[in-house]
Amino acid sequence: RIANGIAPAFSPDDRAVYWIGATPDGTQCLMRLRITGDGEPEGTAGTIVRFAGYVPQSFAIGPDLTAVFSLTRTSSNLFSLDIDERGEAAAPVQLTFDDAINTYPDYSQMGRIAFHQEGAGRPTTAWVMDDDGRHKEPVSTGVPTSIKFPQWDAQGTRLFALVDQGAGQYFGWIDLATRRLTKIPLSASDAANGPSLSPDGQQVAFNVIAPGGVVNVWVQRLDTGERRQVTYDQEAMTY
């Protein structure tokens, strides 16, 4: 099963079509499907090259079947700042050193940090680490969907997160002891914009984009699903 096919190109002999697709685990790749002289499919599509860690933008195929690619790799890492009683900060200390995009850190009461990591060609994953950067570990590996915006519950034993399946989204809890993902029976269809869990873990705040484009903040209970609007701006109140 291949998804997100882009940039199709014929082989020099017109007997195959190549394109950039994605495997079921989200890794982008170069695909090939052989075709007959009449342009009909011959056999099934196959993966030629996987681009783990890269985002392919375009490619061209030479007469000898050598291909040239445009590949993009970006990274973003987390830093900490110690601020004293006078409000002065020491030099920032880098906590992560990944060739990926680490964002949306969340501090627990026990001094650990949760964050989500985006890597080119694979689903977004949730991670935890000590506040000095040690003992960094993924908590959502093996889940074939993206886990975003991880946030600690009040006890520091599980993470609230947005589960993005591409075709749909929902909120869930990740138990840190078992790594089990449990779905929260709450619609997240319009609540996936900057979700923020309350300190007691009972409510989530988020911004909703109205049909006319105006954005406001709403709050929703996780147990009953009751929601209420808390800002009434005429333009945009977000995050």
Protein backbone atom coordinates (compact mmCIF):
# COMPACT_ATOMS: atom_id res chain seq x y z
CA ARG A 1 0.00 0.00 0.00
CA ILE A 2 1.47 3.33 -1.10
CA ALA A 3 0.19 6.81 -0.32
CA ASN A 4 0.92 10.41 -1.30
CA GLY A 5 2.26 9.82 -4.80
CA ILE A 6 3.89 12.95 -6.28
CA ALA A 7 6.31 13.96 -9.06
CA PRO A 8 5.69 11.08 -11.52
CA ALA A 9 8.29 10.54 -14.25
CA PHE A 10 8.70 8.04 -17.09
CA SER A 11 11.82 5.96 -17.50
CA PRO A 12 13.94 6.79 -20.58
CA ASP A 13 12.64 3.69 -22.41
CA ASP A 14 8.97 4.44 -21.57
CA ARG A 15 8.59 1.04 -19.90
CA ALA A 16 8.24 2.20 -16.27
CA VAL A 17 6.82 5.04 -14.22
CA TYR A 18 8.65 6.37 -11.15
CA TRP A 19 7.24 8.62 -8.41
CA ILE A 20 7.77 9.72 -4.82
CA GLY A 21 5.43 7.90 -2.45
CA ALA A 22 5.23 6.86 1.18
CA THR A 23 5.24 3.43 2.77
CA PRO A 24 2.61 2.42 5.38
CA ASP A 25 4.96 3.50 8.21
CA GLY A 26 5.19 7.01 6.73
CA THR A 27 8.69 6.79 5.23
CA GLN A 28 8.92 8.57 1.89
CA CYS A 29 10.43 6.56 -0.94
CA LEU A 30 10.99 6.27 -4.68
CA MET A 31 8.47 3.90 -6.27
CA ARG A 32 8.45 2.15 -9.64
CA LEU A 33 5.72 0.47 -11.67
CA ARG A 34 6.54 -1.29 -14.92
CA ILE A 35 4.20 -0.61 -17.86
CA THR A 36 3.54 -2.29 -21.19
CA GLY A 37 4.17 -0.70 -24.57
CA ASP A 38 0.55 0.44 -24.49
CA GLY A 39 1.01 2.15 -21.15
CA GLU A 40 -0.89 -0.43 -19.10
CA PRO A 41 0.34 -1.46 -15.62
CA GLU A 42 2.50 -4.56 -15.55
CA GLY A 43 2.78 -6.23 -12.16
CA THR A 44 2.70 -4.23 -8.92
CA ALA A 45 4.51 -1.14 -7.74
CA GLY A 46 7.72 -1.61 -5.79
CA THR A 47 9.96 0.46 -3.54
CA ILE A 48 13.31 1.38 -5.10
CA VAL A 49 14.84 3.72 -2.48
CA ARG A 50 13.67 4.75 1.01
CA PHE A 51 14.43 8.31 2.16
CA ALA A 52 14.43 7.88 5.94
CA GLY A 53 15.41 11.22 7.49
CA TYR A 54 14.93 13.23 4.29
CA VAL A 55 12.09 14.92 2.39
CA PRO A 56 12.46 14.40 -1.39
CA GLN A 57 11.24 17.39 -3.39
CA SER A 58 11.88 16.34 -6.99
CA PHE A 59 14.02 14.06 -9.12
CA ALA A 60 15.13 13.39 -12.68
CA ILE A 61 16.19 10.13 -14.36
CA GLY A 62 19.11 10.01 -16.80
CA PRO A 63 19.47 7.76 -19.88
CA ASP A 64 21.52 5.20 -17.90
CA LEU A 65 18.81 5.11 -15.16
CA THR A 66 20.87 7.24 -12.80
CA ALA A 67 18.60 9.52 -10.78
CA VAL A 68 19.36 12.91 -9.25
CA PHE A 69 17.29 14.10 -6.28
CA SER A 70 16.52 17.24 -4.33
CA LEU A 71 16.51 16.19 -0.66
CA THR A 72 15.76 18.39 2.36
CA ARG A 73 16.79 17.73 5.96
CA THR A 74 15.98 20.08 8.83
CA SER A 75 16.54 19.96 12.60
CA SER A 76 15.37 21.80 15.71
CA ASN A 77 16.51 21.08 19.26
CA LEU A 78 15.49 21.93 22.83
CA PHE A 79 17.42 24.20 25.22
CA SER A 80 16.99 25.15 28.87
CA LEU A 81 17.53 28.42 30.72
CA ASP A 82 18.21 28.80 34.44
CA ILE A 83 16.64 32.06 35.65
CA ASP A 84 17.61 33.46 39.07
CA GLU A 85 15.49 35.45 41.51
CA ARG A 86 16.47 38.72 39.81
CA GLY A 87 15.09 37.46 36.50
CA GLU A 88 18.53 37.07 34.96
CA ALA A 89 19.27 33.99 32.88
CA ALA A 90 22.45 32.04 32.45
CA ALA A 91 23.66 30.90 29.05
CA PRO A 92 21.22 28.44 27.38
CA VAL A 93 22.07 24.74 27.69
CA GLN A 94 21.27 22.44 24.78
CA LEU A 95 19.28 19.36 25.86
CA THR A 96 18.74 17.45 22.59
CA PHE A 97 21.15 16.87 19.72
CA ASP A 98 18.96 15.18 17.12
CA ASP A 99 18.85 15.46 13.36
CA ALA A 100 15.10 15.97 13.69
CA ILE A 101 12.59 18.59 14.82
CA ASN A 102 12.04 18.55 18.60
CA THR A 103 9.25 20.89 19.72
CA TYR A 104 6.37 21.46 22.19
CA PRO A 105 8.19 20.66 25.48
CA ASP A 106 6.05 20.12 28.58
CA TYR A 107 7.45 20.15 32.15
CA SER A 108 6.17 17.69 34.77
CA GLN A 109 5.98 18.40 38.49
CA MET A 110 8.63 15.71 38.93
CA GLY A 111 11.15 17.57 36.79
CA ARG A 112 10.88 15.58 33.56
CA ILE A 113 10.22 16.94 30.09
CA ALA A 114 7.92 15.55 27.42
CA PHE A 115 8.15 16.70 23.80
CA HIS A 116 7.31 15.57 20.31
CA GLN A 117 9.78 14.79 17.58
CA GLU A 118 9.19 15.13 13.85
CA GLY A 119 11.50 13.25 11.52
CA ALA A 120 11.39 13.47 7.76
CA GLY A 121 9.54 10.57 6.24
CA ARG A 122 8.14 9.06 9.46
CA PRO A 123 5.33 9.66 11.96
CA THR A 124 5.69 12.22 14.77
CA THR A 125 6.65 10.53 18.05
CA ALA A 126 6.38 11.43 21.75
CA TRP A 127 9.53 11.43 23.94
CA VAL A 128 10.42 12.01 27.59
CA MET A 129 13.71 12.95 29.28
CA ASP A 130 15.16 14.40 32.48
CA ASP A 131 15.39 18.19 32.60
CA ASP A 132 19.15 17.97 32.05
CA GLY A 133 18.67 16.04 28.81
CA ARG A 134 19.60 12.61 30.20
CA HIS A 135 17.55 9.42 30.02
CA LYS A 136 15.86 10.48 26.78
CA GLU A 137 13.53 7.80 25.43
CA PRO A 138 10.64 7.49 22.98
CA VAL A 139 7.28 6.48 24.41
CA SER A 140 5.26 5.98 21.23
CA THR A 141 7.50 3.80 19.06
CA GLY A 142 5.61 1.05 17.32
CA VAL A 143 2.49 3.21 16.96
CA PRO A 144 1.94 3.61 13.18
CA THR A 145 0.34 7.06 13.60
CA SER A 146 1.65 10.44 14.69
CA ILE A 147 1.58 11.29 18.41
CA LYS A 148 1.64 15.06 18.95
CA PHE A 149 1.65 17.64 21.78
CA PRO A 150 2.46 15.20 24.66
CA GLN A 151 1.62 16.66 28.09
CA TRP A 152 1.98 15.25 31.60
CA ASP A 153 -0.92 14.36 33.85
CA ALA A 154 -0.87 15.59 37.45
CA GLN A 155 0.77 12.38 38.74
CA GLY A 156 3.47 12.22 36.06
CA THR A 157 2.57 8.62 35.17
CA ARG A 158 0.99 9.14 31.76
CA LEU A 159 0.92 11.55 28.86
CA PHE A 160 -2.02 13.27 27.23
CA ALA A 161 -1.50 13.53 23.46
CA LEU A 162 -3.16 14.14 20.11
CA VAL A 163 -3.17 11.05 17.91
CA ASP A 164 -3.10 12.03 14.22
CA GLN A 165 -4.07 9.22 11.85
CA GLY A 166 -4.03 11.43 8.79
CA ALA A 167 -7.67 10.69 7.98
CA GLY A 168 -8.79 11.45 11.53
CA GLN A 169 -7.59 12.65 14.95
CA TYR A 170 -8.38 11.85 18.56
CA PHE A 171 -7.00 12.50 22.05
CA GLY A 172 -5.46 9.71 24.09
CA TRP A 173 -3.45 8.76 27.19
CA ILE A 174 -0.08 7.00 27.00
CA ASP A 175 0.73 4.99 30.13
CA LEU A 176 4.48 5.37 30.68
CA ALA A 177 4.81 2.03 32.50
CA THR A 178 3.14 -0.07 29.80
CA ARG A 179 3.41 2.27 26.75
CA ARG A 180 -0.26 1.48 26.18
CA LEU A 181 -2.26 4.06 24.21
CA THR A 182 -5.87 4.53 25.37
CA LYS A 183 -8.33 6.57 23.33
CA ILE A 184 -10.24 9.35 25.08
CA PRO A 185 -13.90 9.16 23.91
CA LEU A 186 -13.96 12.82 22.89
CA SER A 187 -14.19 14.36 19.44
CA ALA A 188 -10.99 16.13 18.41
CA SER A 189 -12.13 17.08 14.92
CA ASP A 190 -11.88 20.82 15.62
CA ALA A 191 -9.87 20.67 18.86
CA ALA A 192 -6.49 19.79 17.38
CA ASN A 193 -5.17 23.36 17.25
CA GLY A 194 -2.73 23.97 20.10
CA PRO A 195 -4.36 21.69 22.70
CA SER A 196 -3.33 22.43 26.30
CA LEU A 197 -4.17 20.11 29.20
CA SER A 198 -5.31 21.68 32.50
CA PRO A 199 -3.12 21.07 35.59
CA ASP A 200 -5.68 18.65 37.08
CA GLY A 201 -5.94 16.70 33.81
CA GLN A 202 -9.71 17.18 33.61
CA GLN A 203 -9.99 19.70 30.77
CA VAL A 204 -8.29 20.66 27.53
CA ALA A 205 -8.08 24.16 26.04
CA PHE A 206 -7.71 24.72 22.31
CA ASN A 207 -8.51 27.24 19.60
CA VAL A 208 -11.28 26.74 17.05
CA ILE A 209 -11.28 28.27 13.58
CA ALA A 210 -14.84 29.39 12.74
CA PRO A 211 -16.15 29.09 9.15
CA GLY A 212 -15.48 32.79 8.55
CA GLY A 213 -11.86 32.47 9.67
CA VAL A 214 -12.21 34.03 13.14
CA VAL A 215 -10.29 32.08 15.81
CA ASN A 216 -11.20 31.82 19.50
CA VAL A 217 -10.29 29.73 22.53
CA TRP A 218 -12.54 26.98 23.87
CA VAL A 219 -12.34 24.65 26.88
CA GLN A 220 -13.71 21.10 26.97
CA ARG A 221 -14.03 18.54 29.76
CA LEU A 222 -12.47 15.15 29.04
CA ASP A 223 -15.05 13.17 31.02
CA THR A 224 -18.36 14.60 29.79
CA GLY A 225 -17.30 16.32 26.56
CA GLU A 226 -18.97 19.56 27.72
CA ARG A 227 -17.32 22.51 26.01
CA ARG A 228 -17.54 26.27 26.32
CA GLN A 229 -16.13 29.23 24.47
CA VAL A 230 -13.92 31.49 26.63
CA THR A 231 -12.84 34.25 24.22
CA TYR A 232 -14.93 36.23 21.75
CA ASP A 233 -12.32 38.06 19.67
CA GLN A 234 -13.26 39.32 16.21
CA GLU A 235 -9.95 38.22 14.67
CA ALA A 236 -7.78 35.61 16.36
CA MET A 237 -7.13 34.42 19.91
CA THR A 238 -4.93 31.33 19.78
CA TYR A 239 -2.57 29.04 21.70
